[in-house]
């Protein structure tokens, strides 16, 4: 899904024409899961100019475990597993990105992909 968001404190916005400044947290980005038995979920995130640990990826309001987006100058594509921290439900699910408000870091998110496995039909 395309997020196209810049997460930044007011005093430190990035000069990006493609990313809407959303402050400390993105709006919910919804995606559909066709089964109530999704497992081994993970997220791939395209992030720009992340300068600090502590930012979170939230799935259905719950933060993923560990650090979700590591620091990196410029663009990076990072993959992180759900582990046992979050789960998907059949139907509509929501993803948000939240900036660590204890840092003055400003970064942007381009696209995010949510992956999971599901049982094969018998």
PDB file of N, CA and C in Angstrom:
ATOM      1  N   UNK A   1       0.842  -1.169   0.000  1.00  0.00           N
ATOM      2  CA  UNK A   1       0.000   0.000   0.000  1.00  0.00           C
ATOM      3  C   UNK A   1       0.888   1.232   0.000  1.00  0.00           C
ATOM      4  N   UNK A   2       0.421   2.284  -0.657  1.00  0.00           N
ATOM      5  CA  UNK A   2       1.183   3.526  -0.673  1.00  0.00           C
ATOM      6  C   UNK A   2       0.812   4.346   0.551  1.00  0.00           C
ATOM      7  N   UNK A   3       1.800   4.713   1.339  1.00  0.00           N
ATOM      8  CA  UNK A   3       1.581   5.520   2.534  1.00  0.00           C
ATOM      9  C   UNK A   3       1.890   6.985   2.233  1.00  0.00           C
ATOM     10  N   UNK A   4       3.034   7.263   1.627  1.00  0.00           N
ATOM     11  CA  UNK A   4       3.392   8.618   1.221  1.00  0.00           C
ATOM     12  C   UNK A   4       3.311   9.637   2.338  1.00  0.00           C
ATOM     13  N   UNK A   5       3.897   9.313   3.480  1.00  0.00           N
ATOM     14  CA  UNK A   5       3.772  10.174   4.659  1.00  0.00           C
ATOM     15  C   UNK A   5       5.133  10.542   5.222  1.00  0.00           C
ATOM     16  N   UNK A   6       5.219  11.758   5.710  1.00  0.00           N
ATOM     17  CA  UNK A   6       6.372  12.238   6.449  1.00  0.00           C
ATOM     18  C   UNK A   6       5.965  12.352   7.915  1.00  0.00           C
ATOM     19  N   UNK A   7       6.749  11.779   8.782  1.00  0.00           N
ATOM     20  CA  UNK A   7       6.493  11.866  10.220  1.00  0.00           C
ATOM     21  C   UNK A   7       7.600  12.721  10.816  1.00  0.00           C
ATOM     22  N   UNK A   8       7.214  13.864  11.365  1.00  0.00           N
ATOM     23  CA  UNK A   8       8.224  14.812  11.821  1.00  0.00           C
ATOM     24  C   UNK A   8       7.655  15.767  12.856  1.00  0.00           C
ATOM     25  N   UNK A   9       8.512  16.205  13.787  1.00  0.00           N
ATOM     26  CA  UNK A   9       8.081  17.286  14.674  1.00  0.00           C
ATOM     27  C   UNK A   9       7.996  18.580  13.859  1.00  0.00           C
ATOM     28  N   UNK A  10       7.197  19.529  14.318  1.00  0.00           N
ATOM     29  CA  UNK A  10       6.992  20.775  13.577  1.00  0.00           C
ATOM     30  C   UNK A  10       8.293  21.487  13.249  1.00  0.00           C
ATOM     31  N   UNK A  11       9.238  21.454  14.131  1.00  0.00           N
ATOM     32  CA  UNK A  11      10.478  22.200  13.945  1.00  0.00           C
ATOM     33  C   UNK A  11      11.481  21.509  13.024  1.00  0.00           C
ATOM     34  N   UNK A  12      11.144  20.337  12.506  1.00  0.00           N
ATOM     35  CA  UNK A  12      12.140  19.587  11.738  1.00  0.00           C
ATOM     36  C   UNK A  12      11.539  18.872  10.524  1.00  0.00           C
ATOM     37  N   UNK A  13      10.681  19.507   9.800  1.00  0.00           N
ATOM     38  CA  UNK A  13      10.075  18.883   8.624  1.00  0.00           C
ATOM     39  C   UNK A  13      11.107  18.700   7.518  1.00  0.00           C
ATOM     40  N   UNK A  14      10.963  17.612   6.773  1.00  0.00           N
ATOM     41  CA  UNK A  14      11.807  17.361   5.611  1.00  0.00           C
ATOM     42  C   UNK A  14      11.190  18.045   4.396  1.00  0.00           C
ATOM     43  N   UNK A  15      12.021  18.433   3.451  1.00  0.00           N
ATOM     44  CA  UNK A  15      11.541  19.082   2.229  1.00  0.00           C
ATOM     45  C   UNK A  15      11.258  18.002   1.181  1.00  0.00           C
ATOM     46  N   UNK A  16      10.090  17.380   1.288  1.00  0.00           N
ATOM     47  CA  UNK A  16       9.702  16.297   0.383  1.00  0.00           C
ATOM     48  C   UNK A  16       8.358  16.635  -0.244  1.00  0.00           C
ATOM     49  N   UNK A  17       8.320  16.736  -1.574  1.00  0.00           N
ATOM     50  CA  UNK A  17       7.054  17.079  -2.222  1.00  0.00           C
ATOM     51  C   UNK A  17       6.123  15.879  -2.398  1.00  0.00           C
ATOM     52  N   UNK A  18       6.620  14.679  -2.234  1.00  0.00           N
ATOM     53  CA  UNK A  18       5.806  13.477  -2.444  1.00  0.00           C
ATOM     54  C   UNK A  18       5.192  12.933  -1.156  1.00  0.00           C
ATOM     55  N   UNK A  19       5.601  13.458  -0.012  1.00  0.00           N
ATOM     56  CA  UNK A  19       5.144  12.906   1.269  1.00  0.00           C
ATOM     57  C   UNK A  19       4.360  13.951   2.055  1.00  0.00           C
ATOM     58  N   UNK A  20       3.139  13.607   2.416  1.00  0.00           N
ATOM     59  CA  UNK A  20       2.304  14.496   3.227  1.00  0.00           C
ATOM     60  C   UNK A  20       2.807  14.493   4.668  1.00  0.00           C
ATOM     61  N   UNK A  21       2.964  15.671   5.245  1.00  0.00           N
ATOM     62  CA  UNK A  21       3.393  15.753   6.639  1.00  0.00           C
ATOM     63  C   UNK A  21       2.202  15.414   7.533  1.00  0.00           C
ATOM     64  N   UNK A  22       2.324  14.320   8.277  1.00  0.00           N
ATOM     65  CA  UNK A  22       1.214  13.848   9.116  1.00  0.00           C
ATOM     66  C   UNK A  22       1.495  14.001  10.604  1.00  0.00           C
ATOM     67  N   UNK A  23       2.630  14.577  10.964  1.00  0.00           N
ATOM     68  CA  UNK A  23       2.945  14.746  12.383  1.00  0.00           C
ATOM     69  C   UNK A  23       3.549  13.494  12.980  1.00  0.00           C
ATOM     70  N   UNK A  24       2.939  12.983  14.037  1.00  0.00           N
ATOM     71  CA  UNK A  24       3.520  11.867  14.785  1.00  0.00           C
ATOM     72  C   UNK A  24       2.980  10.492  14.417  1.00  0.00           C
ATOM     73  N   UNK A  25       1.870  10.426  13.682  1.00  0.00           N
ATOM     74  CA  UNK A  25       1.287   9.120  13.348  1.00  0.00           C
ATOM     75  C   UNK A  25       0.496   9.217  12.054  1.00  0.00           C
ATOM     76  N   UNK A  26       0.610   8.191  11.229  1.00  0.00           N
ATOM     77  CA  UNK A  26      -0.155   8.167   9.982  1.00  0.00           C
ATOM     78  C   UNK A  26      -1.615   7.827  10.263  1.00  0.00           C
ATOM     79  N   UNK A  27      -2.438   8.096   9.294  1.00  0.00           N
ATOM     80  CA  UNK A  27      -3.816   7.606   9.330  1.00  0.00           C
ATOM     81  C   UNK A  27      -3.772   6.082   9.201  1.00  0.00           C
ATOM     82  N   UNK A  28      -4.866   5.431   9.501  1.00  0.00           N
ATOM     83  CA  UNK A  28      -4.950   3.980   9.331  1.00  0.00           C
ATOM     84  C   UNK A  28      -4.998   3.656   7.845  1.00  0.00           C
ATOM     85  N   UNK A  29      -4.194   2.681   7.443  1.00  0.00           N
ATOM     86  CA  UNK A  29      -4.211   2.172   6.076  1.00  0.00           C
ATOM     87  C   UNK A  29      -4.774   0.759   6.154  1.00  0.00           C
ATOM     88  N   UNK A  30      -5.931   0.560   5.545  1.00  0.00           N
ATOM     89  CA  UNK A  30      -6.633  -0.718   5.678  1.00  0.00           C
ATOM     90  C   UNK A  30      -6.224  -1.708   4.598  1.00  0.00           C
ATOM     91  N   UNK A  31      -6.260  -2.974   4.966  1.00  0.00           N
ATOM     92  CA  UNK A  31      -6.011  -4.064   4.033  1.00  0.00           C
ATOM     93  C   UNK A  31      -6.871  -5.247   4.447  1.00  0.00           C
ATOM     94  N   UNK A  32      -7.191  -6.093   3.485  1.00  0.00           N
ATOM     95  CA  UNK A  32      -8.094  -7.225   3.716  1.00  0.00           C
ATOM     96  C   UNK A  32      -7.315  -8.531   3.861  1.00  0.00           C
ATOM     97  N   UNK A  33      -7.735  -9.341   4.801  1.00  0.00           N
ATOM     98  CA  UNK A  33      -7.185 -10.676   5.014  1.00  0.00           C
ATOM     99  C   UNK A  33      -8.331 -11.662   4.798  1.00  0.00           C
ATOM    100  N   UNK A  34      -8.173 -12.631   3.873  1.00  0.00           N
ATOM    101  CA  UNK A  34      -9.286 -13.505   3.508  1.00  0.00           C
ATOM    102  C   UNK A  34      -9.507 -14.716   4.411  1.00  0.00           C
ATOM    103  N   UNK A  35      -8.766 -14.827   5.495  1.00  0.00           N
ATOM    104  CA  UNK A  35      -8.880 -16.006   6.352  1.00  0.00           C
ATOM    105  C   UNK A  35      -8.781 -15.612   7.823  1.00  0.00           C
ATOM    106  N   UNK A  36      -9.376 -16.430   8.681  1.00  0.00           N
ATOM    107  CA  UNK A  36      -9.231 -16.192  10.120  1.00  0.00           C
ATOM    108  C   UNK A  36      -8.062 -16.991  10.693  1.00  0.00           C
ATOM    109  N   UNK A  37      -7.270 -17.602   9.800  1.00  0.00           N
ATOM    110  CA  UNK A  37      -6.150 -18.429  10.229  1.00  0.00           C
ATOM    111  C   UNK A  37      -4.835 -17.959   9.597  1.00  0.00           C
ATOM    112  N   UNK A  38      -4.632 -16.645   9.513  1.00  0.00           N
ATOM    113  CA  UNK A  38      -3.381 -16.105   8.976  1.00  0.00           C
ATOM    114  C   UNK A  38      -2.261 -16.318   9.995  1.00  0.00           C
ATOM    115  N   UNK A  39      -1.058 -16.650   9.510  1.00  0.00           N
ATOM    116  CA  UNK A  39       0.071 -16.867  10.409  1.00  0.00           C
ATOM    117  C   UNK A  39       1.368 -16.437   9.731  1.00  0.00           C
ATOM    118  N   UNK A  40       2.444 -16.364  10.510  1.00  0.00           N
ATOM    119  CA  UNK A  40       3.774 -15.959  10.019  1.00  0.00           C
ATOM    120  C   UNK A  40       3.741 -14.635   9.266  1.00  0.00           C
ATOM    121  N   UNK A  41       3.075 -13.646   9.836  1.00  0.00           N
ATOM    122  CA  UNK A  41       2.978 -12.345   9.186  1.00  0.00           C
ATOM    123  C   UNK A  41       4.263 -11.536   9.279  1.00  0.00           C
ATOM    124  N   UNK A  42       4.476 -10.706   8.270  1.00  0.00           N
ATOM    125  CA  UNK A  42       5.602  -9.776   8.301  1.00  0.00           C
ATOM    126  C   UNK A  42       5.287  -8.562   7.448  1.00  0.00           C
ATOM    127  N   UNK A  43       6.031  -7.501   7.684  1.00  0.00           N
ATOM    128  CA  UNK A  43       5.832  -6.230   6.996  1.00  0.00           C
ATOM    129  C   UNK A  43       7.122  -5.853   6.281  1.00  0.00           C
ATOM    130  N   UNK A  44       6.999  -5.372   5.053  1.00  0.00           N
ATOM    131  CA  UNK A  44       8.108  -4.765   4.325  1.00  0.00           C
ATOM    132  C   UNK A  44       7.820  -3.277   4.224  1.00  0.00           C
ATOM    133  N   UNK A  45       8.752  -2.433   4.635  1.00  0.00           N
ATOM    134  CA  UNK A  45       8.514  -0.994   4.657  1.00  0.00           C
ATOM    135  C   UNK A  45       9.639  -0.259   3.926  1.00  0.00           C
ATOM    136  N   UNK A  46       9.242   0.635   3.041  1.00  0.00           N
ATOM    137  CA  UNK A  46      10.171   1.501   2.324  1.00  0.00           C
ATOM    138  C   UNK A  46      10.228   2.819   3.093  1.00  0.00           C
ATOM    139  N   UNK A  47      11.360   3.096   3.723  1.00  0.00           N
ATOM    140  CA  UNK A  47      11.479   4.273   4.584  1.00  0.00           C
ATOM    141  C   UNK A  47      12.653   5.136   4.144  1.00  0.00           C
ATOM    142  N   UNK A  48      12.528   6.433   4.383  1.00  0.00           N
ATOM    143  CA  UNK A  48      13.538   7.400   3.962  1.00  0.00           C
ATOM    144  C   UNK A  48      14.084   8.180   5.149  1.00  0.00           C
ATOM    145  N   UNK A  49      15.393   8.154   5.301  1.00  0.00           N
ATOM    146  CA  UNK A  49      16.127   9.014   6.227  1.00  0.00           C
ATOM    147  C   UNK A  49      15.726   8.831   7.694  1.00  0.00           C
ATOM    148  N   UNK A  50      15.593   7.581   8.112  1.00  0.00           N
ATOM    149  CA  UNK A  50      15.274   7.289   9.515  1.00  0.00           C
ATOM    150  C   UNK A  50      16.532   7.530  10.347  1.00  0.00           C
ATOM    151  N   UNK A  51      16.421   8.345  11.389  1.00  0.00           N
ATOM    152  CA  UNK A  51      17.592   8.720  12.169  1.00  0.00           C
ATOM    153  C   UNK A  51      17.644   8.157  13.573  1.00  0.00           C
ATOM    154  N   UNK A  52      16.612   7.446  14.004  1.00  0.00           N
ATOM    155  CA  UNK A  52      16.588   6.961  15.387  1.00  0.00           C
ATOM    156  C   UNK A  52      15.770   5.677  15.493  1.00  0.00           C
ATOM    157  N   UNK A  53      16.123   4.865  16.478  1.00  0.00           N
ATOM    158  CA  UNK A  53      15.286   3.718  16.825  1.00  0.00           C
ATOM    159  C   UNK A  53      14.064   4.232  17.584  1.00  0.00           C
ATOM    160  N   UNK A  54      13.055   3.409  17.732  1.00  0.00           N
ATOM    161  CA  UNK A  54      11.927   3.764  18.586  1.00  0.00           C
ATOM    162  C   UNK A  54      10.621   4.015  17.860  1.00  0.00           C
ATOM    163  N   UNK A  55      10.664   4.187  16.546  1.00  0.00           N
ATOM    164  CA  UNK A  55       9.425   4.359  15.791  1.00  0.00           C
ATOM    165  C   UNK A  55       8.724   3.001  15.704  1.00  0.00           C
ATOM    166  N   UNK A  56       7.396   3.023  15.580  1.00  0.00           N
ATOM    167  CA  UNK A  56       6.662   1.760  15.626  1.00  0.00           C
ATOM    168  C   UNK A  56       5.742   1.572  14.432  1.00  0.00           C
ATOM    169  N   UNK A  57       5.583   0.310  14.076  1.00  0.00           N
ATOM    170  CA  UNK A  57       4.563  -0.114  13.124  1.00  0.00           C
ATOM    171  C   UNK A  57       3.458  -0.743  13.962  1.00  0.00           C
ATOM    172  N   UNK A  58       2.248  -0.248  13.802  1.00  0.00           N
ATOM    173  CA  UNK A  58       1.102  -0.757  14.558  1.00  0.00           C
ATOM    174  C   UNK A  58       0.185  -1.536  13.622  1.00  0.00           C
ATOM    175  N   UNK A  59      -0.169  -2.737  14.023  1.00  0.00           N
ATOM    176  CA  UNK A  59      -1.131  -3.557  13.284  1.00  0.00           C
ATOM    177  C   UNK A  59      -2.358  -3.698  14.166  1.00  0.00           C
ATOM    178  N   UNK A  60      -3.485  -3.232  13.679  1.00  0.00           N
ATOM    179  CA  UNK A  60      -4.735  -3.252  14.447  1.00  0.00           C
ATOM    180  C   UNK A  60      -4.559  -2.624  15.833  1.00  0.00           C
ATOM    181  N   UNK A  61      -3.747  -1.564  15.882  1.00  0.00           N
ATOM    182  CA  UNK A  61      -3.531  -0.828  17.121  1.00  0.00           C
ATOM    183  C   UNK A  61      -2.438  -1.366  18.020  1.00  0.00           C
ATOM    184  N   UNK A  62      -1.901  -2.548  17.704  1.00  0.00           N
ATOM    185  CA  UNK A  62      -0.864  -3.163  18.536  1.00  0.00           C
ATOM    186  C   UNK A  62       0.513  -2.986  17.908  1.00  0.00           C
ATOM    187  N   UNK A  63       1.518  -2.585  18.701  1.00  0.00           N
ATOM    188  CA  UNK A  63       2.867  -2.420  18.154  1.00  0.00           C
ATOM    189  C   UNK A  63       3.539  -3.767  17.906  1.00  0.00           C
ATOM    190  N   UNK A  64       4.300  -3.837  16.819  1.00  0.00           N
ATOM    191  CA  UNK A  64       5.110  -5.017  16.563  1.00  0.00           C
ATOM    192  C   UNK A  64       6.228  -5.052  17.597  1.00  0.00           C
ATOM    193  N   UNK A  65       6.826  -6.205  17.810  1.00  0.00           N
ATOM    194  CA  UNK A  65       7.862  -6.330  18.840  1.00  0.00           C
ATOM    195  C   UNK A  65       9.219  -5.851  18.324  1.00  0.00           C
ATOM    196  N   UNK A  66      10.112  -5.527  19.251  1.00  0.00           N
ATOM    197  CA  UNK A  66      11.467  -5.116  18.889  1.00  0.00           C
ATOM    198  C   UNK A  66      11.479  -3.751  18.226  1.00  0.00           C
ATOM    199  N   UNK A  67      12.570  -3.440  17.533  1.00  0.00           N
ATOM    200  CA  UNK A  67      12.602  -2.188  16.783  1.00  0.00           C
ATOM    201  C   UNK A  67      12.037  -2.470  15.400  1.00  0.00           C
ATOM    202  N   UNK A  68      11.169  -1.595  14.943  1.00  0.00           N
ATOM    203  CA  UNK A  68      10.437  -1.841  13.703  1.00  0.00           C
ATOM    204  C   UNK A  68      11.105  -1.241  12.478  1.00  0.00           C
ATOM    205  N   UNK A  69      11.760  -0.090  12.662  1.00  0.00           N
ATOM    206  CA  UNK A  69      12.384   0.607  11.537  1.00  0.00           C
ATOM    207  C   UNK A  69      13.754   1.093  12.001  1.00  0.00           C
ATOM    208  N   UNK A  70      14.844   0.466  11.556  1.00  0.00           N
ATOM    209  CA  UNK A  70      16.162   0.878  12.027  1.00  0.00           C
ATOM    210  C   UNK A  70      16.647   2.155  11.335  1.00  0.00           C
ATOM    211  N   UNK A  71      17.553   2.883  11.977  1.00  0.00           N
ATOM    212  CA  UNK A  71      18.116   4.082  11.362  1.00  0.00           C
ATOM    213  C   UNK A  71      18.894   3.754  10.088  1.00  0.00           C
ATOM    214  N   UNK A  72      18.814   4.669   9.118  1.00  0.00           N
ATOM    215  CA  UNK A  72      19.556   4.540   7.872  1.00  0.00           C
ATOM    216  C   UNK A  72      19.479   5.866   7.128  1.00  0.00           C
ATOM    217  N   UNK A  73      20.607   6.325   6.590  1.00  0.00           N
ATOM    218  CA  UNK A  73      20.595   7.519   5.748  1.00  0.00           C
ATOM    219  C   UNK A  73      19.989   7.170   4.399  1.00  0.00           C
ATOM    220  N   UNK A  74      19.152   8.034   3.875  1.00  0.00           N
ATOM    221  CA  UNK A  74      18.539   7.795   2.572  1.00  0.00           C
ATOM    222  C   UNK A  74      17.484   6.709   2.640  1.00  0.00           C
ATOM    223  N   UNK A  75      17.283   6.045   1.501  1.00  0.00           N
ATOM    224  CA  UNK A  75      16.242   5.017   1.390  1.00  0.00           C
ATOM    225  C   UNK A  75      16.698   3.689   1.963  1.00  0.00           C
ATOM    226  N   UNK A  76      15.756   2.956   2.508  1.00  0.00           N
ATOM    227  CA  UNK A  76      15.977   1.579   2.923  1.00  0.00           C
ATOM    228  C   UNK A  76      14.676   0.804   2.729  1.00  0.00           C
ATOM    229  N   UNK A  77      14.814  -0.502   2.557  1.00  0.00           N
ATOM    230  CA  UNK A  77      13.654  -1.392   2.573  1.00  0.00           C
ATOM    231  C   UNK A  77      13.911  -2.370   3.702  1.00  0.00           C
ATOM    232  N   UNK A  78      13.051  -2.354   4.695  1.00  0.00           N
ATOM    233  CA  UNK A  78      13.239  -3.142   5.905  1.00  0.00           C
ATOM    234  C   UNK A  78      12.090  -4.126   6.048  1.00  0.00           C
ATOM    235  N   UNK A  79      12.406  -5.343   6.453  1.00  0.00           N
ATOM    236  CA  UNK A  79      11.398  -6.373   6.686  1.00  0.00           C
ATOM    237  C   UNK A  79      11.436  -6.753   8.158  1.00  0.00           C
ATOM    238  N   UNK A  80      10.259  -6.837   8.778  1.00  0.00           N
ATOM    239  CA  UNK A  80      10.162  -7.202  10.190  1.00  0.00           C
ATOM    240  C   UNK A  80       8.977  -8.145  10.379  1.00  0.00           C
ATOM    241  N   UNK A  81       9.165  -9.163  11.212  1.00  0.00           N
ATOM    242  CA  UNK A  81       8.096 -10.133  11.458  1.00  0.00           C
ATOM    243  C   UNK A  81       7.176  -9.662  12.575  1.00  0.00           C
ATOM    244  N   UNK A  82       5.957 -10.175  12.554  1.00  0.00           N
ATOM    245  CA  UNK A  82       5.000  -9.871  13.620  1.00  0.00           C
ATOM    246  C   UNK A  82       5.408 -10.522  14.934  1.00  0.00           C
ATOM    247  N   UNK A  83       6.037 -11.696  14.860  1.00  0.00           N
ATOM    248  CA  UNK A  83       6.296 -12.539  16.026  1.00  0.00           C
ATOM    249  C   UNK A  83       4.957 -12.795  16.721  1.00  0.00           C
ATOM    250  N   UNK A  84       4.926 -12.747  18.039  1.00  0.00           N
ATOM    251  CA  UNK A  84       3.672 -12.970  18.763  1.00  0.00           C
ATOM    252  C   UNK A  84       3.023 -11.663  19.197  1.00  0.00           C
ATOM    253  N   UNK A  85       3.593 -10.547  18.766  1.00  0.00           N
ATOM    254  CA  UNK A  85       3.121  -9.244  19.246  1.00  0.00           C
ATOM    255  C   UNK A  85       1.771  -8.836  18.663  1.00  0.00           C
ATOM    256  N   UNK A  86       1.527  -9.185  17.418  1.00  0.00           N
ATOM    257  CA  UNK A  86       0.275  -8.791  16.767  1.00  0.00           C
ATOM    258  C   UNK A  86      -0.290  -9.966  15.989  1.00  0.00           C
ATOM    259  N   UNK A  87      -1.549  -9.865  15.641  1.00  0.00           N
ATOM    260  CA  UNK A  87      -2.173 -10.894  14.814  1.00  0.00           C
ATOM    261  C   UNK A  87      -3.141 -10.236  13.846  1.00  0.00           C
ATOM    262  N   UNK A  88      -3.406 -10.947  12.778  1.00  0.00           N
ATOM    263  CA  UNK A  88      -4.353 -10.482  11.775  1.00  0.00           C
ATOM    264  C   UNK A  88      -5.696 -11.146  12.009  1.00  0.00           C
ATOM    265  N   UNK A  89      -6.754 -10.476  11.593  1.00  0.00           N
ATOM    266  CA  UNK A  89      -8.094 -11.037  11.687  1.00  0.00           C
ATOM    267  C   UNK A  89      -8.685 -11.133  10.293  1.00  0.00           C
ATOM    268  N   UNK A  90      -9.634 -12.022  10.128  1.00  0.00           N
ATOM    269  CA  UNK A  90     -10.314 -12.127   8.839  1.00  0.00           C
ATOM    270  C   UNK A  90     -11.079 -10.831   8.583  1.00  0.00           C
ATOM    271  N   UNK A  91     -10.971 -10.330   7.367  1.00  0.00           N
ATOM    272  CA  UNK A  91     -11.642  -9.082   7.014  1.00  0.00           C
ATOM    273  C   UNK A  91     -10.681  -7.913   7.020  1.00  0.00           C
ATOM    274  N   UNK A  92     -11.177  -6.768   7.429  1.00  0.00           N
ATOM    275  CA  UNK A  92     -10.396  -5.531   7.386  1.00  0.00           C
ATOM    276  C   UNK A  92      -9.437  -5.429   8.569  1.00  0.00           C
ATOM    277  N   UNK A  93      -8.186  -5.139   8.263  1.00  0.00           N
ATOM    278  CA  UNK A  93      -7.140  -4.898   9.249  1.00  0.00           C
ATOM    279  C   UNK A  93      -6.565  -3.517   8.970  1.00  0.00           C
ATOM    280  N   UNK A  94      -5.859  -2.954   9.933  1.00  0.00           N
ATOM    281  CA  UNK A  94      -5.332  -1.597   9.758  1.00  0.00           C
ATOM    282  C   UNK A  94      -3.873  -1.515  10.179  1.00  0.00           C
ATOM    283  N   UNK A  95      -3.121  -0.716   9.433  1.00  0.00           N
ATOM    284  CA  UNK A  95      -1.716  -0.466   9.713  1.00  0.00           C
ATOM    285  C   UNK A  95      -1.508   1.031   9.911  1.00  0.00           C
ATOM    286  N   UNK A  96      -0.716   1.386  10.906  1.00  0.00           N
ATOM    287  CA  UNK A  96      -0.302   2.775  11.149  1.00  0.00           C
ATOM    288  C   UNK A  96       1.197   2.778  11.428  1.00  0.00           C
ATOM    289  N   UNK A  97       1.826   3.898  11.139  1.00  0.00           N
ATOM    290  CA  UNK A  97       3.221   4.117  11.504  1.00  0.00           C
ATOM    291  C   UNK A  97       3.228   5.242  12.533  1.00  0.00           C
ATOM    292  N   UNK A  98       3.937   5.045  13.643  1.00  0.00           N
ATOM    293  CA  UNK A  98       3.995   6.055  14.702  1.00  0.00           C
ATOM    294  C   UNK A  98       5.447   6.461  14.951  1.00  0.00           C
ATOM    295  N   UNK A  99       5.677   7.759  14.984  1.00  0.00           N
ATOM    296  CA  UNK A  99       6.995   8.322  15.264  1.00  0.00           C
ATOM    297  C   UNK A  99       7.238   8.330  16.769  1.00  0.00           C
ATOM    298  N   UNK A 100       8.474   8.057  17.166  1.00  0.00           N
ATOM    299  CA  UNK A 100       8.852   8.147  18.577  1.00  0.00           C
ATOM    300  C   UNK A 100       8.876   9.622  18.967  1.00  0.00           C
ATOM    301  N   UNK A 101       7.915  10.040  19.766  1.00  0.00           N
ATOM    302  CA  UNK A 101       7.789  11.460  20.119  1.00  0.00           C
ATOM    303  C   UNK A 101       8.878  11.928  21.084  1.00  0.00           C
ATOM    304  N   UNK A 102       9.657  11.007  21.637  1.00  0.00           N
ATOM    305  CA  UNK A 102      10.768  11.392  22.501  1.00  0.00           C
ATOM    306  C   UNK A 102      12.028  11.740  21.707  1.00  0.00           C
ATOM    307  N   UNK A 103      11.972  11.591  20.383  1.00  0.00           N
ATOM    308  CA  UNK A 103      13.113  11.954  19.538  1.00  0.00           C
ATOM    309  C   UNK A 103      12.717  13.140  18.660  1.00  0.00           C
ATOM    310  N   UNK A 104      13.708  13.801  18.076  1.00  0.00           N
ATOM    311  CA  UNK A 104      13.400  14.873  17.130  1.00  0.00           C
ATOM    312  C   UNK A 104      13.578  14.387  15.699  1.00  0.00           C
ATOM    313  N   UNK A 105      13.571  13.073  15.515  1.00  0.00           N
ATOM    314  CA  UNK A 105      13.766  12.469  14.206  1.00  0.00           C
ATOM    315  C   UNK A 105      12.610  12.797  13.265  1.00  0.00           C
ATOM    316  N   UNK A 106      12.964  13.027  12.014  1.00  0.00           N
ATOM    317  CA  UNK A 106      11.985  13.218  10.945  1.00  0.00           C
ATOM    318  C   UNK A 106      12.313  12.209   9.855  1.00  0.00           C
ATOM    319  N   UNK A 107      11.312  11.482   9.380  1.00  0.00           N
ATOM    320  CA  UNK A 107      11.532  10.480   8.341  1.00  0.00           C
ATOM    321  C   UNK A 107      10.272  10.355   7.502  1.00  0.00           C
ATOM    322  N   UNK A 108      10.376   9.597   6.417  1.00  0.00           N
ATOM    323  CA  UNK A 108       9.225   9.423   5.534  1.00  0.00           C
ATOM    324  C   UNK A 108       9.046   7.950   5.205  1.00  0.00           C
ATOM    325  N   UNK A 109       7.812   7.599   4.877  1.00  0.00           N
ATOM    326  CA  UNK A 109       7.468   6.235   4.487  1.00  0.00           C
ATOM    327  C   UNK A 109       6.833   6.290   3.107  1.00  0.00           C
ATOM    328  N   UNK A 110       7.367   5.476   2.193  1.00  0.00           N
ATOM    329  CA  UNK A 110       6.811   5.387   0.853  1.00  0.00           C
ATOM    330  C   UNK A 110       5.728   4.325   0.784  1.00  0.00           C
ATOM    331  N   UNK A 111       6.139   3.075   0.616  1.00  0.00           N
ATOM    332  CA  UNK A 111       5.182   1.977   0.535  1.00  0.00           C
ATOM    333  C   UNK A 111       5.402   0.996   1.683  1.00  0.00           C
ATOM    334  N   UNK A 112       4.332   0.277   2.005  1.00  0.00           N
ATOM    335  CA  UNK A 112       4.382  -0.780   3.011  1.00  0.00           C
ATOM    336  C   UNK A 112       3.625  -1.971   2.441  1.00  0.00           C
ATOM    337  N   UNK A 113       4.205  -3.145   2.608  1.00  0.00           N
ATOM    338  CA  UNK A 113       3.550  -4.372   2.172  1.00  0.00           C
ATOM    339  C   UNK A 113       3.386  -5.283   3.377  1.00  0.00           C
ATOM    340  N   UNK A 114       2.185  -5.805   3.563  1.00  0.00           N
ATOM    341  CA  UNK A 114       1.916  -6.746   4.651  1.00  0.00           C
ATOM    342  C   UNK A 114       1.765  -8.133   4.028  1.00  0.00           C
ATOM    343  N   UNK A 115       2.526  -9.085   4.538  1.00  0.00           N
ATOM    344  CA  UNK A 115       2.509 -10.460   4.033  1.00  0.00           C
ATOM    345  C   UNK A 115       2.076 -11.403   5.153  1.00  0.00           C
ATOM    346  N   UNK A 116       1.523 -12.527   4.774  1.00  0.00           N
ATOM    347  CA  UNK A 116       1.176 -13.575   5.731  1.00  0.00           C
ATOM    348  C   UNK A 116       1.018 -14.880   4.981  1.00  0.00           C
ATOM    349  N   UNK A 117       0.998 -15.958   5.736  1.00  0.00           N
ATOM    350  CA  UNK A 117       0.704 -17.280   5.188  1.00  0.00           C
ATOM    351  C   UNK A 117      -0.691 -17.655   5.640  1.00  0.00           C
ATOM    352  N   UNK A 118      -1.303 -18.541   4.882  1.00  0.00           N
ATOM    353  CA  UNK A 118      -2.618 -19.060   5.254  1.00  0.00           C
ATOM    354  C   UNK A 118      -2.700 -20.516   4.833  1.00  0.00           C
ATOM    355  N   UNK A 119      -3.560 -21.294   5.471  1.00  0.00           N
ATOM    356  CA  UNK A 119      -3.655 -22.721   5.149  1.00  0.00           C
ATOM    357  C   UNK A 119      -4.100 -22.936   3.704  1.00  0.00           C
ATOM    358  N   UNK A 120      -3.602 -24.018   3.123  1.00  0.00           N
ATOM    359  CA  UNK A 120      -4.065 -24.402   1.793  1.00  0.00           C
ATOM    360  C   UNK A 120      -5.461 -24.984   1.915  1.00  0.00           C
ATOM    361  N   UNK A 121      -6.266 -24.760   0.899  1.00  0.00           N
ATOM    362  CA  UNK A 121      -7.592 -25.386   0.883  1.00  0.00           C
ATOM    363  C   UNK A 121      -7.429 -26.881   0.685  1.00  0.00           C
ATOM    364  N   UNK A 122      -8.188 -27.653   1.424  1.00  0.00           N
ATOM    365  CA  UNK A 122      -8.091 -29.121   1.330  1.00  0.00           C
ATOM    366  C   UNK A 122      -8.807 -29.636   0.114  1.00  0.00           C
TER     367      UNK A 122
END
